[in-house]
């Protein structure tokens, strides 16, 4: 069974970068981050149903 994906967001200048990943670690890897953006308060998990619908 495939892992359940979660939606994460981080700002990249004027826009936000969204990624659907199985974990924070996977999201950071996808963004190519060399620091924990979640610990710094720069990235977050998105639970807003409207945004989740748009990402699907």
N, C-alpha and C. Protein backbone atom coordinates (compact mmCIF):
# COMPACT_ATOMS: atom_id res chain seq x y z
N UNK A 1 0.84 -1.18 0.00
CA UNK A 1 0.00 0.00 0.00
C UNK A 1 0.89 1.25 0.00
N UNK A 2 0.53 2.22 -0.82
CA UNK A 2 1.31 3.47 -0.92
C UNK A 2 1.10 4.32 0.33
N UNK A 3 2.14 5.04 0.75
CA UNK A 3 2.00 5.90 1.93
C UNK A 3 1.03 7.05 1.65
N UNK A 4 0.32 7.45 2.68
CA UNK A 4 -0.62 8.56 2.56
C UNK A 4 0.17 9.86 2.43
N UNK A 5 -0.20 10.67 1.45
CA UNK A 5 0.52 11.91 1.22
C UNK A 5 -0.09 13.06 2.01
N UNK A 6 0.77 13.95 2.45
CA UNK A 6 0.36 15.15 3.17
C UNK A 6 0.82 16.34 2.34
N UNK A 7 0.19 17.48 2.53
CA UNK A 7 0.53 18.67 1.78
C UNK A 7 1.34 19.62 2.65
N UNK A 8 2.47 20.10 2.10
CA UNK A 8 3.35 21.02 2.82
C UNK A 8 3.57 22.26 1.97
N UNK A 9 3.86 23.40 2.64
CA UNK A 9 4.07 24.67 1.94
C UNK A 9 5.25 25.42 2.55
N UNK A 10 5.99 26.10 1.68
CA UNK A 10 7.06 27.00 2.11
C UNK A 10 7.12 28.16 1.12
N UNK A 11 7.43 29.36 1.58
CA UNK A 11 7.54 30.49 0.65
C UNK A 11 8.84 30.42 -0.16
N UNK A 12 8.74 30.80 -1.42
CA UNK A 12 9.92 30.87 -2.29
C UNK A 12 9.91 32.21 -3.01
N UNK A 13 10.08 33.25 -2.26
CA UNK A 13 10.02 34.58 -2.85
C UNK A 13 8.59 35.08 -2.85
N UNK A 14 8.09 35.47 -4.02
CA UNK A 14 6.75 36.03 -4.14
C UNK A 14 5.67 34.96 -4.02
N UNK A 15 5.99 33.73 -4.36
CA UNK A 15 5.02 32.62 -4.37
C UNK A 15 5.35 31.61 -3.28
N UNK A 16 4.44 30.67 -3.09
CA UNK A 16 4.66 29.55 -2.18
C UNK A 16 4.93 28.29 -2.99
N UNK A 17 5.77 27.42 -2.46
CA UNK A 17 6.02 26.12 -3.07
C UNK A 17 5.26 25.08 -2.27
N UNK A 18 4.43 24.32 -2.95
CA UNK A 18 3.66 23.25 -2.32
C UNK A 18 4.23 21.92 -2.78
N UNK A 19 4.19 20.95 -1.88
CA UNK A 19 4.62 19.60 -2.24
C UNK A 19 3.75 18.61 -1.47
N UNK A 20 3.37 17.54 -2.15
CA UNK A 20 2.67 16.43 -1.51
C UNK A 20 3.72 15.37 -1.23
N UNK A 21 3.90 15.05 0.03
CA UNK A 21 4.93 14.09 0.43
C UNK A 21 4.43 13.27 1.61
N UNK A 22 5.10 12.18 1.86
CA UNK A 22 4.68 11.28 2.95
C UNK A 22 5.14 11.78 4.32
N UNK A 23 6.15 12.68 4.34
CA UNK A 23 6.68 13.16 5.62
C UNK A 23 7.35 14.52 5.44
N UNK A 24 7.66 15.16 6.56
CA UNK A 24 8.40 16.42 6.51
C UNK A 24 9.77 16.22 5.87
N UNK A 25 10.42 15.13 6.25
CA UNK A 25 11.75 14.82 5.70
C UNK A 25 11.68 14.70 4.18
N UNK A 26 10.66 14.04 3.68
CA UNK A 26 10.50 13.88 2.23
C UNK A 26 10.22 15.23 1.57
N UNK A 27 9.45 16.09 2.22
CA UNK A 27 9.17 17.42 1.67
C UNK A 27 10.45 18.24 1.59
N UNK A 28 11.25 18.21 2.65
CA UNK A 28 12.51 18.95 2.65
C UNK A 28 13.44 18.46 1.54
N UNK A 29 13.48 17.16 1.34
CA UNK A 29 14.31 16.58 0.28
C UNK A 29 13.83 17.05 -1.09
N UNK A 30 12.51 17.08 -1.29
CA UNK A 30 11.95 17.51 -2.56
C UNK A 30 12.29 18.97 -2.84
N UNK A 31 12.23 19.81 -1.81
CA UNK A 31 12.57 21.22 -1.97
C UNK A 31 14.08 21.44 -2.11
N UNK A 32 14.87 20.44 -1.77
CA UNK A 32 16.32 20.58 -1.82
C UNK A 32 16.86 21.42 -0.67
N UNK A 33 16.13 21.43 0.44
CA UNK A 33 16.52 22.23 1.60
C UNK A 33 17.68 21.58 2.33
N UNK A 34 18.63 22.39 2.77
CA UNK A 34 19.75 21.88 3.55
C UNK A 34 19.58 22.15 5.03
N UNK A 35 18.44 22.76 5.41
CA UNK A 35 18.12 23.04 6.82
C UNK A 35 16.68 22.63 7.09
N UNK A 36 16.35 22.43 8.34
CA UNK A 36 14.98 22.06 8.71
C UNK A 36 14.10 23.30 8.69
N UNK A 37 13.42 23.51 7.57
CA UNK A 37 12.56 24.68 7.42
C UNK A 37 11.38 24.65 8.38
N UNK A 38 10.97 23.47 8.79
CA UNK A 38 9.86 23.35 9.74
C UNK A 38 10.28 23.85 11.11
N UNK A 39 11.48 23.50 11.54
CA UNK A 39 11.99 23.94 12.84
C UNK A 39 12.17 25.45 12.88
N UNK A 40 12.48 26.04 11.74
CA UNK A 40 12.67 27.49 11.65
C UNK A 40 11.36 28.25 11.51
N UNK A 41 10.25 27.52 11.34
CA UNK A 41 8.95 28.15 11.18
C UNK A 41 8.69 28.66 9.78
N UNK A 42 9.49 28.22 8.83
CA UNK A 42 9.36 28.69 7.44
C UNK A 42 8.42 27.80 6.64
N UNK A 43 8.37 26.53 6.95
CA UNK A 43 7.51 25.57 6.24
C UNK A 43 6.44 25.07 7.19
N UNK A 44 5.34 24.60 6.59
CA UNK A 44 4.24 24.10 7.42
C UNK A 44 3.45 23.02 6.68
N UNK A 45 2.74 22.24 7.45
CA UNK A 45 1.82 21.25 6.88
C UNK A 45 0.48 21.96 6.68
N UNK A 46 -0.15 21.69 5.56
CA UNK A 46 -1.42 22.33 5.21
C UNK A 46 -2.56 21.36 5.47
N UNK A 47 -3.55 21.82 6.24
CA UNK A 47 -4.73 21.01 6.52
C UNK A 47 -6.01 21.67 6.01
N UNK A 48 -5.89 22.82 5.35
CA UNK A 48 -7.04 23.55 4.83
C UNK A 48 -7.71 22.73 3.72
N UNK A 49 -8.98 22.35 3.89
CA UNK A 49 -9.65 21.50 2.90
C UNK A 49 -9.66 22.11 1.49
N UNK A 50 -9.80 23.42 1.37
CA UNK A 50 -9.81 24.05 0.04
C UNK A 50 -8.46 23.89 -0.66
N UNK A 51 -7.38 24.11 0.07
CA UNK A 51 -6.07 23.94 -0.53
C UNK A 51 -5.78 22.48 -0.85
N UNK A 52 -6.24 21.58 0.00
CA UNK A 52 -6.04 20.15 -0.26
C UNK A 52 -6.78 19.74 -1.53
N UNK A 53 -7.97 20.28 -1.75
CA UNK A 53 -8.75 19.99 -2.96
C UNK A 53 -8.00 20.46 -4.19
N UNK A 54 -7.44 21.67 -4.13
CA UNK A 54 -6.72 22.23 -5.27
C UNK A 54 -5.49 21.41 -5.60
N UNK A 55 -4.86 20.85 -4.60
CA UNK A 55 -3.63 20.08 -4.81
C UNK A 55 -3.92 18.70 -5.41
N UNK A 56 -5.12 18.21 -5.22
CA UNK A 56 -5.47 16.86 -5.69
C UNK A 56 -5.66 16.79 -7.18
